[in-house]
Each structure stands twice: as structure tokens, then as C-alpha cells.
């Protein structure tokens, strides 16, 4: 093998198959925690209607004041 050590060989090969350069694929595959799910947000279903309303307000969803919890969830997911 004529390349430096790759920490996540499977990910490296998958990235190469997708057309990434050797360098870029190696950088991604060697990144700590690469491929792990990020973010700490709670699922919409676990939030209160008021929390969903505030999020809908932040992203500018029209008609939010008349929506029930499920409608707010659907609108946020489709925004």
C-alpha cells in the first residue's frame, strides 16, 4: 500500500467509489467521529406545542397560529 494509514478504510473506499479524490477521502475518513450523527436537538414529537410554535415562528411558517401539534411538526419537516 503506497498511501498513509487510513483510520476508517471502509469509509475511505466508499468515498473513493463516489468519486472523491484520494486526499479528500483520506481527510474525511481520518476525521475523529466522522460519520457519526451530530446535533443534540430533540425529536419534534418530544417537544411541546409551544416549542414547536416558536420554531415555526423562527423559520417563518405561515398559518402556524391555527395549527395543532402534528400540523406544526409536518410543516417544520417540510420547510
PDB file of N, CA and C in Angstrom:
ATOM      1  N   UNK A   1       0.855  -1.180   0.000  1.00  0.00           N
ATOM      2  CA  UNK A   1       0.000   0.000   0.000  1.00  0.00           C
ATOM      3  C   UNK A   1       0.899   1.241   0.000  1.00  0.00           C
ATOM      4  N   UNK A   2       0.664   2.163  -0.912  1.00  0.00           N
ATOM      5  CA  UNK A   2       1.530   3.325  -1.052  1.00  0.00           C
ATOM      6  C   UNK A   2       0.918   4.606  -0.494  1.00  0.00           C
ATOM      7  N   UNK A   3      -0.029   4.478   0.400  1.00  0.00           N
ATOM      8  CA  UNK A   3      -0.650   5.669   0.990  1.00  0.00           C
ATOM      9  C   UNK A   3      -0.543   5.610   2.504  1.00  0.00           C
ATOM     10  N   UNK A   4      -0.673   6.787   3.136  1.00  0.00           N
ATOM     11  CA  UNK A   4      -0.619   6.811   4.602  1.00  0.00           C
ATOM     12  C   UNK A   4      -1.760   6.000   5.216  1.00  0.00           C
ATOM     13  N   UNK A   5      -1.646   5.741   6.493  1.00  0.00           N
ATOM     14  CA  UNK A   5      -2.647   4.980   7.227  1.00  0.00           C
ATOM     15  C   UNK A   5      -4.011   5.672   7.176  1.00  0.00           C
ATOM     16  N   UNK A   6      -5.034   4.897   6.908  1.00  0.00           N
ATOM     17  CA  UNK A   6      -6.411   5.388   6.888  1.00  0.00           C
ATOM     18  C   UNK A   6      -7.112   4.781   8.091  1.00  0.00           C
ATOM     19  N   UNK A   7      -7.731   5.641   8.916  1.00  0.00           N
ATOM     20  CA  UNK A   7      -8.385   5.159  10.138  1.00  0.00           C
ATOM     21  C   UNK A   7      -9.659   4.380   9.849  1.00  0.00           C
ATOM     22  N   UNK A   8     -10.407   4.826   8.844  1.00  0.00           N
ATOM     23  CA  UNK A   8     -11.666   4.160   8.520  1.00  0.00           C
ATOM     24  C   UNK A   8     -11.614   3.728   7.057  1.00  0.00           C
ATOM     25  N   UNK A   9     -11.029   2.576   6.829  1.00  0.00           N
ATOM     26  CA  UNK A   9     -10.798   2.062   5.475  1.00  0.00           C
ATOM     27  C   UNK A   9     -12.100   1.902   4.689  1.00  0.00           C
ATOM     28  N   UNK A  10     -13.140   1.423   5.352  1.00  0.00           N
ATOM     29  CA  UNK A  10     -14.432   1.208   4.685  1.00  0.00           C
ATOM     30  C   UNK A  10     -15.014   2.537   4.195  1.00  0.00           C
ATOM     31  N   UNK A  11     -14.958   3.552   5.039  1.00  0.00           N
ATOM     32  CA  UNK A  11     -15.470   4.859   4.657  1.00  0.00           C
ATOM     33  C   UNK A  11     -14.620   5.450   3.521  1.00  0.00           C
ATOM     34  N   UNK A  12     -13.311   5.281   3.624  1.00  0.00           N
ATOM     35  CA  UNK A  12     -12.407   5.777   2.586  1.00  0.00           C
ATOM     36  C   UNK A  12     -12.774   5.170   1.231  1.00  0.00           C
ATOM     37  N   UNK A  13     -12.945   3.856   1.191  1.00  0.00           N
ATOM     38  CA  UNK A  13     -13.273   3.181  -0.071  1.00  0.00           C
ATOM     39  C   UNK A  13     -14.629   3.631  -0.609  1.00  0.00           C
ATOM     40  N   UNK A  14     -15.599   3.815   0.285  1.00  0.00           N
ATOM     41  CA  UNK A  14     -16.929   4.281  -0.148  1.00  0.00           C
ATOM     42  C   UNK A  14     -16.842   5.679  -0.754  1.00  0.00           C
ATOM     43  N   UNK A  15     -16.046   6.537  -0.146  1.00  0.00           N
ATOM     44  CA  UNK A  15     -15.878   7.895  -0.670  1.00  0.00           C
ATOM     45  C   UNK A  15     -15.164   7.881  -2.020  1.00  0.00           C
ATOM     46  N   UNK A  16     -14.161   7.030  -2.154  1.00  0.00           N
ATOM     47  CA  UNK A  16     -13.456   6.905  -3.436  1.00  0.00           C
ATOM     48  C   UNK A  16     -14.415   6.415  -4.516  1.00  0.00           C
ATOM     49  N   UNK A  17     -15.297   5.461  -4.155  1.00  0.00           N
ATOM     50  CA  UNK A  17     -16.287   4.945  -5.111  1.00  0.00           C
ATOM     51  C   UNK A  17     -17.255   6.032  -5.554  1.00  0.00           C
ATOM     52  N   UNK A  18     -17.475   7.019  -4.677  1.00  0.00           N
ATOM     53  CA  UNK A  18     -18.369   8.133  -5.005  1.00  0.00           C
ATOM     54  C   UNK A  18     -17.664   9.221  -5.803  1.00  0.00           C
ATOM     55  N   UNK A  19     -16.361   9.052  -6.047  1.00  0.00           N
ATOM     56  CA  UNK A  19     -15.635  10.000  -6.874  1.00  0.00           C
ATOM     57  C   UNK A  19     -14.780  11.011  -6.137  1.00  0.00           C
ATOM     58  N   UNK A  20     -14.669  10.883  -4.815  1.00  0.00           N
ATOM     59  CA  UNK A  20     -13.819  11.798  -4.057  1.00  0.00           C
ATOM     60  C   UNK A  20     -12.359  11.530  -4.395  1.00  0.00           C
ATOM     61  N   UNK A  21     -11.537  12.579  -4.356  1.00  0.00           N
ATOM     62  CA  UNK A  21     -10.109  12.401  -4.571  1.00  0.00           C
ATOM     63  C   UNK A  21      -9.521  11.598  -3.413  1.00  0.00           C
ATOM     64  N   UNK A  22      -8.332  11.041  -3.632  1.00  0.00           N
ATOM     65  CA  UNK A  22      -7.673  10.277  -2.567  1.00  0.00           C
ATOM     66  C   UNK A  22      -7.455  11.150  -1.342  1.00  0.00           C
ATOM     67  N   UNK A  23      -7.025  12.387  -1.572  1.00  0.00           N
ATOM     68  CA  UNK A  23      -6.728  13.290  -0.464  1.00  0.00           C
ATOM     69  C   UNK A  23      -7.975  13.629   0.349  1.00  0.00           C
ATOM     70  N   UNK A  24      -9.054  13.985  -0.360  1.00  0.00           N
ATOM     71  CA  UNK A  24     -10.275  14.372   0.346  1.00  0.00           C
ATOM     72  C   UNK A  24     -10.887  13.173   1.076  1.00  0.00           C
ATOM     73  N   UNK A  25     -10.902  12.025   0.426  1.00  0.00           N
ATOM     74  CA  UNK A  25     -11.442  10.820   1.060  1.00  0.00           C
ATOM     75  C   UNK A  25     -10.642  10.470   2.314  1.00  0.00           C
ATOM     76  N   UNK A  26      -9.324  10.615   2.251  1.00  0.00           N
ATOM     77  CA  UNK A  26      -8.483  10.317   3.411  1.00  0.00           C
ATOM     78  C   UNK A  26      -8.740  11.302   4.542  1.00  0.00           C
ATOM     79  N   UNK A  27      -8.882  12.583   4.218  1.00  0.00           N
ATOM     80  CA  UNK A  27      -9.162  13.576   5.268  1.00  0.00           C
ATOM     81  C   UNK A  27     -10.469  13.261   5.982  1.00  0.00           C
ATOM     82  N   UNK A  28     -11.494  12.936   5.215  1.00  0.00           N
ATOM     83  CA  UNK A  28     -12.804  12.635   5.818  1.00  0.00           C
ATOM     84  C   UNK A  28     -12.723  11.347   6.643  1.00  0.00           C
ATOM     85  N   UNK A  29     -12.112  10.311   6.088  1.00  0.00           N
ATOM     86  CA  UNK A  29     -12.040   9.013   6.768  1.00  0.00           C
ATOM     87  C   UNK A  29     -11.170   9.073   8.021  1.00  0.00           C
ATOM     88  N   UNK A  30     -10.261  10.031   8.083  1.00  0.00           N
ATOM     89  CA  UNK A  30      -9.383  10.152   9.249  1.00  0.00           C
ATOM     90  C   UNK A  30      -9.881  11.151  10.281  1.00  0.00           C
ATOM     91  N   UNK A  31     -11.010  11.790  10.021  1.00  0.00           N
ATOM     92  CA  UNK A  31     -11.572  12.754  10.955  1.00  0.00           C
ATOM     93  C   UNK A  31     -12.168  12.016  12.157  1.00  0.00           C
ATOM     94  N   UNK A  32     -11.827  12.449  13.382  1.00  0.00           N
ATOM     95  CA  UNK A  32     -12.427  11.807  14.554  1.00  0.00           C
ATOM     96  C   UNK A  32     -13.957  11.930  14.507  1.00  0.00           C
ATOM     97  N   UNK A  33     -14.639  10.875  14.836  1.00  0.00           N
ATOM     98  CA  UNK A  33     -16.103  10.835  14.870  1.00  0.00           C
ATOM     99  C   UNK A  33     -16.747  11.039  13.509  1.00  0.00           C
ATOM    100  N   UNK A  34     -16.002  10.849  12.432  1.00  0.00           N
ATOM    101  CA  UNK A  34     -16.569  11.013  11.096  1.00  0.00           C
ATOM    102  C   UNK A  34     -17.696  10.009  10.893  1.00  0.00           C
ATOM    103  N   UNK A  35     -18.779  10.477  10.340  1.00  0.00           N
ATOM    104  CA  UNK A  35     -19.905   9.608  10.057  1.00  0.00           C
ATOM    105  C   UNK A  35     -20.867   9.409  11.202  1.00  0.00           C
ATOM    106  N   UNK A  36     -20.547   9.946  12.365  1.00  0.00           N
ATOM    107  CA  UNK A  36     -21.476   9.824  13.489  1.00  0.00           C
ATOM    108  C   UNK A  36     -22.507  10.932  13.418  1.00  0.00           C
ATOM    109  N   UNK A  37     -23.687  10.639  13.914  1.00  0.00           N
ATOM    110  CA  UNK A  37     -24.770  11.600  13.893  1.00  0.00           C
ATOM    111  C   UNK A  37     -24.423  12.778  14.796  1.00  0.00           C
ATOM    112  N   UNK A  38     -24.610  13.954  14.285  1.00  0.00           N
ATOM    113  CA  UNK A  38     -24.333  15.159  15.063  1.00  0.00           C
ATOM    114  C   UNK A  38     -25.603  15.767  15.609  1.00  0.00           C
ATOM    115  N   UNK A  39     -25.452  16.849  16.328  1.00  0.00           N
ATOM    116  CA  UNK A  39     -26.613  17.567  16.826  1.00  0.00           C
ATOM    117  C   UNK A  39     -27.198  16.956  18.075  1.00  0.00           C
ATOM    118  N   UNK A  40     -27.805  17.804  18.855  1.00  0.00           N
ATOM    119  CA  UNK A  40     -28.394  17.360  20.114  1.00  0.00           C
ATOM    120  C   UNK A  40     -29.877  17.719  20.200  1.00  0.00           C
ATOM    121  N   UNK A  41     -30.466  18.105  19.078  1.00  0.00           N
ATOM    122  CA  UNK A  41     -31.864  18.526  19.087  1.00  0.00           C
ATOM    123  C   UNK A  41     -32.780  17.342  19.415  1.00  0.00           C
ATOM    124  N   UNK A  42     -33.833  17.636  20.140  1.00  0.00           N
ATOM    125  CA  UNK A  42     -34.808  16.590  20.468  1.00  0.00           C
ATOM    126  C   UNK A  42     -35.753  16.396  19.287  1.00  0.00           C
ATOM    127  N   UNK A  43     -36.351  15.238  19.207  1.00  0.00           N
ATOM    128  CA  UNK A  43     -37.325  14.966  18.164  1.00  0.00           C
ATOM    129  C   UNK A  43     -38.515  15.907  18.327  1.00  0.00           C
ATOM    130  N   UNK A  44     -39.126  16.257  17.217  1.00  0.00           N
ATOM    131  CA  UNK A  44     -40.290  17.140  17.270  1.00  0.00           C
ATOM    132  C   UNK A  44     -41.381  16.576  18.168  1.00  0.00           C
ATOM    133  N   UNK A  45     -41.562  15.261  18.120  1.00  0.00           N
ATOM    134  CA  UNK A  45     -42.618  14.645  18.925  1.00  0.00           C
ATOM    135  C   UNK A  45     -42.401  14.825  20.430  1.00  0.00           C
ATOM    136  N   UNK A  46     -41.159  15.019  20.839  1.00  0.00           N
ATOM    137  CA  UNK A  46     -40.852  15.193  22.258  1.00  0.00           C
ATOM    138  C   UNK A  46     -40.999  16.645  22.717  1.00  0.00           C
ATOM    139  N   UNK A  47     -41.195  17.549  21.794  1.00  0.00           N
ATOM    140  CA  UNK A  47     -41.321  18.973  22.140  1.00  0.00           C
ATOM    141  C   UNK A  47     -42.781  19.329  22.403  1.00  0.00           C
ATOM    142  N   UNK A  48     -42.968  20.412  23.147  1.00  0.00           N
ATOM    143  CA  UNK A  48     -44.329  20.887  23.398  1.00  0.00           C
ATOM    144  C   UNK A  48     -44.832  21.653  22.184  1.00  0.00           C
ATOM    145  N   UNK A  49     -46.140  21.861  22.144  1.00  0.00           N
ATOM    146  CA  UNK A  49     -46.727  22.632  21.053  1.00  0.00           C
ATOM    147  C   UNK A  49     -46.156  24.043  21.041  1.00  0.00           C
ATOM    148  N   UNK A  50     -45.952  24.630  22.215  1.00  0.00           N
ATOM    149  CA  UNK A  50     -45.384  25.983  22.292  1.00  0.00           C
ATOM    150  C   UNK A  50     -43.962  26.030  21.724  1.00  0.00           C
ATOM    151  N   UNK A  51     -43.177  25.008  22.019  1.00  0.00           N
ATOM    152  CA  UNK A  51     -41.815  24.950  21.476  1.00  0.00           C
ATOM    153  C   UNK A  51     -41.839  24.826  19.953  1.00  0.00           C
ATOM    154  N   UNK A  52     -42.759  24.000  19.455  1.00  0.00           N
ATOM    155  CA  UNK A  52     -42.895  23.845  18.010  1.00  0.00           C
ATOM    156  C   UNK A  52     -43.362  25.144  17.363  1.00  0.00           C
ATOM    157  N   UNK A  53     -44.285  25.815  18.022  1.00  0.00           N
ATOM    158  CA  UNK A  53     -44.779  27.098  17.515  1.00  0.00           C
ATOM    159  C   UNK A  53     -43.633  28.101  17.406  1.00  0.00           C
ATOM    160  N   UNK A  54     -42.795  28.184  18.430  1.00  0.00           N
ATOM    161  CA  UNK A  54     -41.670  29.119  18.419  1.00  0.00           C
ATOM    162  C   UNK A  54     -40.685  28.789  17.297  1.00  0.00           C
ATOM    163  N   UNK A  55     -40.447  27.498  17.073  1.00  0.00           N
ATOM    164  CA  UNK A  55     -39.561  27.094  15.979  1.00  0.00           C
ATOM    165  C   UNK A  55     -40.183  27.462  14.637  1.00  0.00           C
ATOM    166  N   UNK A  56     -41.482  27.242  14.499  1.00  0.00           N
ATOM    167  CA  UNK A  56     -42.176  27.600  13.260  1.00  0.00           C
ATOM    168  C   UNK A  56     -42.117  29.106  13.026  1.00  0.00           C
ATOM    169  N   UNK A  57     -42.223  29.859  14.089  1.00  0.00           N
ATOM    170  CA  UNK A  57     -42.125  31.313  14.008  1.00  0.00           C
ATOM    171  C   UNK A  57     -40.736  31.731  13.520  1.00  0.00           C
ATOM    172  N   UNK A  58     -39.693  31.084  14.067  1.00  0.00           N
ATOM    173  CA  UNK A  58     -38.308  31.397  13.676  1.00  0.00           C
ATOM    174  C   UNK A  58     -38.070  31.179  12.191  1.00  0.00           C
ATOM    175  N   UNK A  59     -38.665  30.119  11.653  1.00  0.00           N
ATOM    176  CA  UNK A  59     -38.426  29.803  10.242  1.00  0.00           C
ATOM    177  C   UNK A  59     -39.493  30.383   9.316  1.00  0.00           C
ATOM    178  N   UNK A  60     -40.450  31.103   9.873  1.00  0.00           N
ATOM    179  CA  UNK A  60     -41.426  31.833   9.060  1.00  0.00           C
ATOM    180  C   UNK A  60     -42.523  31.008   8.425  1.00  0.00           C
ATOM    181  N   UNK A  61     -43.052  30.041   9.147  1.00  0.00           N
ATOM    182  CA  UNK A  61     -44.144  29.218   8.620  1.00  0.00           C
ATOM    183  C   UNK A  61     -45.457  29.970   8.788  1.00  0.00           C
ATOM    184  N   UNK A  62     -46.119  30.207   7.662  1.00  0.00           N
ATOM    185  CA  UNK A  62     -47.407  30.905   7.678  1.00  0.00           C
ATOM    186  C   UNK A  62     -48.503  29.987   8.199  1.00  0.00           C
ATOM    187  N   UNK A  63     -49.488  30.560   8.893  1.00  0.00           N
ATOM    188  CA  UNK A  63     -50.634  29.810   9.389  1.00  0.00           C
ATOM    189  C   UNK A  63     -50.354  29.020  10.649  1.00  0.00           C
ATOM    190  N   UNK A  64     -49.210  29.237  11.256  1.00  0.00           N
ATOM    191  CA  UNK A  64     -48.818  28.447  12.436  1.00  0.00           C
ATOM    192  C   UNK A  64     -49.747  28.631  13.624  1.00  0.00           C
ATOM    193  N   UNK A  65     -50.379  29.798  13.727  1.00  0.00           N
ATOM    194  CA  UNK A  65     -51.227  30.067  14.899  1.00  0.00           C
ATOM    195  C   UNK A  65     -52.473  29.193  14.930  1.00  0.00           C
ATOM    196  N   UNK A  66     -52.874  28.654  13.784  1.00  0.00           N
ATOM    197  CA  UNK A  66     -54.076  27.811  13.751  1.00  0.00           C
ATOM    198  C   UNK A  66     -53.738  26.317  13.685  1.00  0.00           C
ATOM    199  N   UNK A  67     -52.463  25.987  13.700  1.00  0.00           N
ATOM    200  CA  UNK A  67     -52.046  24.588  13.567  1.00  0.00           C
ATOM    201  C   UNK A  67     -52.025  23.866  14.915  1.00  0.00           C
ATOM    202  N   UNK A  68     -52.371  22.579  14.867  1.00  0.00           N
ATOM    203  CA  UNK A  68     -52.216  21.742  16.058  1.00  0.00           C
ATOM    204  C   UNK A  68     -50.785  21.208  16.066  1.00  0.00           C
ATOM    205  N   UNK A  69     -50.437  20.434  17.070  1.00  0.00           N
ATOM    206  CA  UNK A  69     -49.067  19.960  17.229  1.00  0.00           C
ATOM    207  C   UNK A  69     -48.602  19.157  16.015  1.00  0.00           C
ATOM    208  N   UNK A  70     -49.395  18.234  15.546  1.00  0.00           N
ATOM    209  CA  UNK A  70     -48.997  17.400  14.406  1.00  0.00           C
ATOM    210  C   UNK A  70     -48.831  18.231  13.141  1.00  0.00           C
ATOM    211  N   UNK A  71     -49.696  19.211  12.954  1.00  0.00           N
ATOM    212  CA  UNK A  71     -49.570  20.081  11.782  1.00  0.00           C
ATOM    213  C   UNK A  71     -48.282  20.915  11.852  1.00  0.00           C
ATOM    214  N   UNK A  72     -47.927  21.368  13.046  1.00  0.00           N
ATOM    215  CA  UNK A  72     -46.671  22.104  13.213  1.00  0.00           C
ATOM    216  C   UNK A  72     -45.476  21.203  12.887  1.00  0.00           C
ATOM    217  N   UNK A  73     -45.521  19.972  13.367  1.00  0.00           N
ATOM    218  CA  UNK A  73     -44.448  19.017  13.083  1.00  0.00           C
ATOM    219  C   UNK A  73     -44.317  18.807  11.579  1.00  0.00           C
ATOM    220  N   UNK A  74     -45.444  18.563  10.920  1.00  0.00           N
ATOM    221  CA  UNK A  74     -45.426  18.341   9.462  1.00  0.00           C
ATOM    222  C   UNK A  74     -44.881  19.562   8.720  1.00  0.00           C
ATOM    223  N   UNK A  75     -45.317  20.752   9.145  1.00  0.00           N
ATOM    224  CA  UNK A  75     -44.858  21.980   8.487  1.00  0.00           C
ATOM    225  C   UNK A  75     -43.358  22.185   8.693  1.00  0.00           C
ATOM    226  N   UNK A  76     -42.862  21.911   9.890  1.00  0.00           N
ATOM    227  CA  UNK A  76     -41.436  22.065  10.164  1.00  0.00           C
ATOM    228  C   UNK A  76     -40.609  21.058   9.359  1.00  0.00           C
ATOM    229  N   UNK A  77     -41.093  19.865   9.231  1.00  0.00           N
ATOM    230  CA  UNK A  77     -40.355  18.844   8.468  1.00  0.00           C
ATOM    231  C   UNK A  77     -40.354  19.138   6.981  1.00  0.00           C
ATOM    232  N   UNK A  78     -41.367  19.787   6.498  1.00  0.00           N
ATOM    233  CA  UNK A  78     -41.469  20.067   5.058  1.00  0.00           C
ATOM    234  C   UNK A  78     -40.990  21.449   4.690  1.00  0.00           C
ATOM    235  N   UNK A  79     -40.465  22.176   5.652  1.00  0.00           N
ATOM    236  CA  UNK A  79     -39.996  23.542   5.384  1.00  0.00           C
ATOM    237  C   UNK A  79     -38.641  23.524   4.750  1.00  0.00           C
TER     238      UNK A  79
END
